[in-house]
Amino acid sequence: MRVRVVRRGGLAGIPMTAEVDTTELGQPQAEQAEQALRSAQQAAPSGPPAPDRFSFHLSLPDVAPDDTVAVDERDVPDGLRPLLDLAATRAAPGAGR
């Protein structure tokens, strides 16, 4: 499953964008990431945005490119961490969506 990740916030406030495929994680981590994505779509934010924290805006370009799930850095499920780590290795400045 292809996932577009846009990281916003932080001290500089420069959005970073990357696309990754869950198949790059290996089967167990890919399944955990996909399950965490489904769960994140139904979760409510834990509170108001905090200054200088990151938020991750995730979308599935092949399935629903206009639907975005936002996850605050303090609410990132463990299953999504490997996906976000992989995205960080190839992120480039860009506004994303």
N, C-alpha and C. Protein backbone atom coordinates (compact mmCIF):
# COMPACT_ATOMS: atom_id res chain seq x y z
N MET A 1 0.84 -1.15 0.00
CA MET A 1 0.00 0.00 0.00
C MET A 1 0.91 1.24 0.00
N ARG A 2 0.71 2.10 -0.96
CA ARG A 2 1.50 3.32 -1.06
C ARG A 2 0.91 4.38 -0.14
N VAL A 3 1.79 5.05 0.62
CA VAL A 3 1.37 6.05 1.60
C VAL A 3 2.16 7.33 1.36
N ARG A 4 1.45 8.45 1.28
CA ARG A 4 2.10 9.76 1.21
C ARG A 4 2.13 10.31 2.63
N VAL A 5 3.32 10.73 3.05
CA VAL A 5 3.51 11.27 4.40
C VAL A 5 3.98 12.71 4.28
N VAL A 6 3.26 13.60 4.93
CA VAL A 6 3.68 15.00 5.02
C VAL A 6 3.86 15.30 6.50
N ARG A 7 5.09 15.65 6.86
CA ARG A 7 5.38 16.03 8.25
C ARG A 7 5.36 17.55 8.31
N ARG A 8 4.56 18.08 9.24
CA ARG A 8 4.45 19.53 9.42
C ARG A 8 4.82 19.88 10.84
N GLY A 9 5.13 21.16 11.04
CA GLY A 9 5.45 21.64 12.39
C GLY A 9 6.94 21.64 12.65
N GLY A 10 7.30 21.54 13.92
CA GLY A 10 8.70 21.61 14.30
C GLY A 10 9.15 23.05 14.41
N LEU A 11 10.39 23.24 14.80
CA LEU A 11 10.91 24.59 15.00
C LEU A 11 10.93 25.40 13.72
N ALA A 12 11.36 24.79 12.61
CA ALA A 12 11.47 25.52 11.35
C ALA A 12 10.13 25.63 10.63
N GLY A 13 9.23 24.72 10.89
CA GLY A 13 7.92 24.76 10.26
C GLY A 13 7.94 24.42 8.77
N ILE A 14 8.98 23.75 8.30
CA ILE A 14 9.09 23.39 6.88
C ILE A 14 8.45 22.02 6.67
N PRO A 15 7.39 21.94 5.85
CA PRO A 15 6.79 20.64 5.58
C PRO A 15 7.76 19.74 4.83
N MET A 16 7.79 18.48 5.22
CA MET A 16 8.62 17.47 4.54
C MET A 16 7.68 16.40 4.00
N THR A 17 7.89 16.03 2.73
CA THR A 17 6.99 15.09 2.06
C THR A 17 7.76 13.89 1.54
N ALA A 18 7.16 12.71 1.66
CA ALA A 18 7.74 11.48 1.12
C ALA A 18 6.61 10.52 0.80
N GLU A 19 6.90 9.61 -0.13
CA GLU A 19 5.99 8.50 -0.40
C GLU A 19 6.73 7.21 -0.15
N VAL A 20 6.07 6.31 0.54
CA VAL A 20 6.64 5.00 0.85
C VAL A 20 5.59 3.94 0.58
N ASP A 21 6.04 2.73 0.43
CA ASP A 21 5.13 1.60 0.24
C ASP A 21 5.30 0.68 1.43
N THR A 22 4.20 0.25 2.01
CA THR A 22 4.28 -0.60 3.20
C THR A 22 5.00 -1.91 2.90
N THR A 23 5.03 -2.35 1.64
CA THR A 23 5.72 -3.60 1.32
C THR A 23 7.23 -3.48 1.54
N GLU A 24 7.76 -2.27 1.60
CA GLU A 24 9.18 -2.06 1.86
C GLU A 24 9.55 -2.39 3.30
N LEU A 25 8.58 -2.53 4.16
CA LEU A 25 8.82 -2.79 5.58
C LEU A 25 8.98 -4.26 5.91
N GLY A 26 8.59 -5.14 5.04
CA GLY A 26 8.52 -6.56 5.37
C GLY A 26 7.14 -6.88 5.90
N GLN A 27 6.74 -8.13 5.78
CA GLN A 27 5.35 -8.50 6.04
C GLN A 27 4.83 -8.15 7.44
N PRO A 28 5.52 -8.53 8.52
CA PRO A 28 4.92 -8.22 9.84
C PRO A 28 4.75 -6.73 10.07
N GLN A 29 5.78 -5.94 9.75
CA GLN A 29 5.69 -4.50 9.97
C GLN A 29 4.71 -3.85 9.00
N ALA A 30 4.61 -4.36 7.78
CA ALA A 30 3.65 -3.82 6.81
C ALA A 30 2.23 -4.02 7.32
N GLU A 31 1.93 -5.21 7.82
CA GLU A 31 0.59 -5.49 8.35
C GLU A 31 0.28 -4.59 9.55
N GLN A 32 1.27 -4.40 10.43
CA GLN A 32 1.07 -3.53 11.59
C GLN A 32 0.83 -2.09 11.16
N ALA A 33 1.59 -1.63 10.17
CA ALA A 33 1.43 -0.25 9.68
C ALA A 33 0.06 -0.06 9.05
N GLU A 34 -0.38 -1.02 8.25
CA GLU A 34 -1.69 -0.90 7.60
C GLU A 34 -2.81 -0.91 8.64
N GLN A 35 -2.68 -1.75 9.66
CA GLN A 35 -3.68 -1.79 10.73
C GLN A 35 -3.67 -0.47 11.50
N ALA A 36 -2.49 0.07 11.76
CA ALA A 36 -2.39 1.34 12.48
C ALA A 36 -3.00 2.48 11.66
N LEU A 37 -2.82 2.43 10.33
CA LEU A 37 -3.44 3.45 9.47
C LEU A 37 -4.95 3.38 9.55
N ARG A 38 -5.50 2.17 9.50
CA ARG A 38 -6.95 2.02 9.60
C ARG A 38 -7.46 2.54 10.95
N SER A 39 -6.73 2.24 12.02
CA SER A 39 -7.13 2.70 13.35
C SER A 39 -7.02 4.21 13.47
N ALA A 40 -5.97 4.79 12.89
CA ALA A 40 -5.77 6.24 12.98
C ALA A 40 -6.89 6.99 12.28
N GLN A 41 -7.47 6.39 11.25
CA GLN A 41 -8.56 7.05 10.54
C GLN A 41 -9.78 7.22 11.43
N GLN A 42 -9.89 6.38 12.45
CA GLN A 42 -11.06 6.42 13.32
C GLN A 42 -10.78 7.11 14.66
N ALA A 43 -9.51 7.40 14.95
CA ALA A 43 -9.14 7.97 16.25
C ALA A 43 -9.33 9.48 16.27
N ALA A 44 -9.67 9.97 17.43
CA ALA A 44 -9.78 11.42 17.62
C ALA A 44 -8.46 11.94 18.15
N PRO A 45 -8.08 13.17 17.82
CA PRO A 45 -6.84 13.74 18.35
C PRO A 45 -6.88 13.81 19.87
N SER A 46 -5.72 13.72 20.50
CA SER A 46 -5.67 13.68 21.96
C SER A 46 -5.78 15.07 22.59
N GLY A 47 -5.64 16.10 21.80
CA GLY A 47 -5.73 17.44 22.35
C GLY A 47 -5.40 18.48 21.30
N PRO A 48 -5.33 19.73 21.70
CA PRO A 48 -5.02 20.79 20.73
C PRO A 48 -3.58 20.68 20.24
N PRO A 49 -3.32 21.21 19.05
CA PRO A 49 -1.95 21.18 18.54
C PRO A 49 -1.02 21.92 19.50
N ALA A 50 0.20 21.43 19.62
CA ALA A 50 1.18 22.05 20.50
C ALA A 50 2.27 22.72 19.66
N PRO A 51 2.74 23.88 20.09
CA PRO A 51 3.77 24.57 19.33
C PRO A 51 5.02 23.70 19.19
N ASP A 52 5.63 23.77 18.04
CA ASP A 52 6.90 23.11 17.74
C ASP A 52 6.84 21.58 17.73
N ARG A 53 5.68 21.00 17.82
CA ARG A 53 5.56 19.55 17.68
C ARG A 53 5.29 19.22 16.23
N PHE A 54 5.64 18.00 15.86
CA PHE A 54 5.35 17.54 14.51
C PHE A 54 3.96 16.95 14.44
N SER A 55 3.37 17.09 13.28
CA SER A 55 2.15 16.33 12.97
C SER A 55 2.41 15.65 11.63
N PHE A 56 1.87 14.48 11.49
CA PHE A 56 2.04 13.68 10.29
C PHE A 56 0.69 13.57 9.59
N HIS A 57 0.67 13.92 8.31
CA HIS A 57 -0.54 13.89 7.52
C HIS A 57 -0.36 12.77 6.50
N LEU A 58 -1.17 11.73 6.64
CA LEU A 58 -1.02 10.52 5.85
C LEU A 58 -2.18 10.37 4.88
N SER A 59 -1.85 10.02 3.64
CA SER A 59 -2.90 9.76 2.65
C SER A 59 -2.49 8.55 1.82
N LEU A 60 -3.48 7.96 1.18
CA LEU A 60 -3.27 6.79 0.33
C LEU A 60 -3.55 7.20 -1.11
N PRO A 61 -2.52 7.59 -1.85
CA PRO A 61 -2.73 8.15 -3.19
C PRO A 61 -3.43 7.21 -4.16
N ASP A 62 -3.28 5.90 -3.98
CA ASP A 62 -3.89 4.95 -4.90
C ASP A 62 -5.34 4.61 -4.54
N VAL A 63 -5.72 4.89 -3.30
CA VAL A 63 -7.04 4.49 -2.82
C VAL A 63 -7.96 5.71 -2.66
N ALA A 64 -7.50 6.68 -1.88
CA ALA A 64 -8.32 7.87 -1.60
C ALA A 64 -7.38 9.07 -1.47
N PRO A 65 -6.90 9.60 -2.58
CA PRO A 65 -5.88 10.66 -2.52
C PRO A 65 -6.32 11.93 -1.79
N ASP A 66 -7.61 12.19 -1.71
CA ASP A 66 -8.08 13.40 -1.06
C ASP A 66 -8.38 13.22 0.43
N ASP A 67 -8.33 11.98 0.90
CA ASP A 67 -8.57 11.72 2.32
C ASP A 67 -7.24 11.71 3.05
N THR A 68 -7.13 12.52 4.08
CA THR A 68 -5.89 12.63 4.85
C THR A 68 -6.19 12.39 6.32
N VAL A 69 -5.31 11.62 6.95
CA VAL A 69 -5.39 11.38 8.39
C VAL A 69 -4.24 12.15 9.03
N ALA A 70 -4.53 12.95 10.02
CA ALA A 70 -3.49 13.69 10.73
C ALA A 70 -3.24 13.03 12.09
N VAL A 71 -1.95 12.83 12.39
CA VAL A 71 -1.56 12.21 13.66
C VAL A 71 -0.50 13.09 14.30
N ASP A 72 -0.76 13.53 15.51
CA ASP A 72 0.21 14.31 16.26
C ASP A 72 1.36 13.39 16.69
N GLU A 73 2.56 13.92 16.80
CA GLU A 73 3.72 13.10 17.15
C GLU A 73 3.54 12.36 18.47
N ARG A 74 2.77 12.92 19.38
CA ARG A 74 2.57 12.25 20.67
C ARG A 74 1.54 11.12 20.58
N ASP A 75 0.82 11.04 19.45
CA ASP A 75 -0.21 10.02 19.28
C ASP A 75 0.14 8.95 18.24
N VAL A 76 1.38 8.96 17.76
CA VAL A 76 1.76 8.01 16.70
C VAL A 76 1.71 6.58 17.27
N PRO A 77 0.89 5.72 16.66
CA PRO A 77 0.85 4.32 17.11
C PRO A 77 2.18 3.63 16.81
N ASP A 78 2.56 2.69 17.66
CA ASP A 78 3.82 1.97 17.46
C ASP A 78 3.90 1.32 16.08
N GLY A 79 2.78 0.86 15.57
CA GLY A 79 2.77 0.21 14.26
C GLY A 79 3.11 1.14 13.11
N LEU A 80 2.94 2.45 13.30
CA LEU A 80 3.26 3.42 12.25
C LEU A 80 4.70 3.92 12.31
N ARG A 81 5.38 3.71 13.42
CA ARG A 81 6.73 4.26 13.57
C ARG A 81 7.70 3.78 12.48
N PRO A 82 7.75 2.49 12.14
CA PRO A 82 8.67 2.08 11.07
C PRO A 82 8.35 2.76 9.73
N LEU A 83 7.08 2.96 9.44
CA LEU A 83 6.68 3.63 8.20
C LEU A 83 7.15 5.09 8.22
N LEU A 84 6.96 5.77 9.34
CA LEU A 84 7.39 7.16 9.45
C LEU A 84 8.91 7.28 9.44
N ASP A 85 9.61 6.31 10.02
CA ASP A 85 11.07 6.31 9.98
C ASP A 85 11.57 6.15 8.55
N LEU A 86 10.94 5.26 7.80
CA LEU A 86 11.31 5.08 6.40
C LEU A 86 11.03 6.34 5.60
N ALA A 87 9.89 6.97 5.83
CA ALA A 87 9.56 8.21 5.14
C ALA A 87 10.57 9.30 5.46
N ALA A 88 11.05 9.34 6.69
CA ALA A 88 12.02 10.37 7.08
C ALA A 88 13.32 10.24 6.31
N THR A 89 13.68 9.01 5.91
CA THR A 89 14.94 8.83 5.18
C THR A 89 14.88 9.37 3.77
N ARG A 90 13.70 9.58 3.23
CA ARG A 90 13.58 10.08 1.86
C ARG A 90 12.74 11.34 1.73
N ALA A 91 12.45 11.97 2.84
CA ALA A 91 11.63 13.18 2.82
C ALA A 91 12.37 14.34 2.18
N ALA A 92 11.60 15.15 1.49
CA ALA A 92 12.12 16.36 0.85
C ALA A 92 11.18 17.51 1.17
N PRO A 93 11.71 18.72 1.25
CA PRO A 93 10.84 19.86 1.52
C PRO A 93 9.74 19.96 0.47
N GLY A 94 8.54 20.20 0.93
CA GLY A 94 7.41 20.36 0.03
C GLY A 94 6.13 20.51 0.81
N ALA A 95 5.20 21.23 0.26
CA ALA A 95 3.96 21.52 0.97
C ALA A 95 3.06 20.31 1.07
N GLY A 96 3.14 19.39 0.13
CA GLY A 96 2.25 18.24 0.17
C GLY A 96 0.81 18.68 0.11
N ARG A 97 -0.07 17.89 0.67
CA ARG A 97 -1.48 18.25 0.74
C ARG A 97 -1.92 18.32 2.16
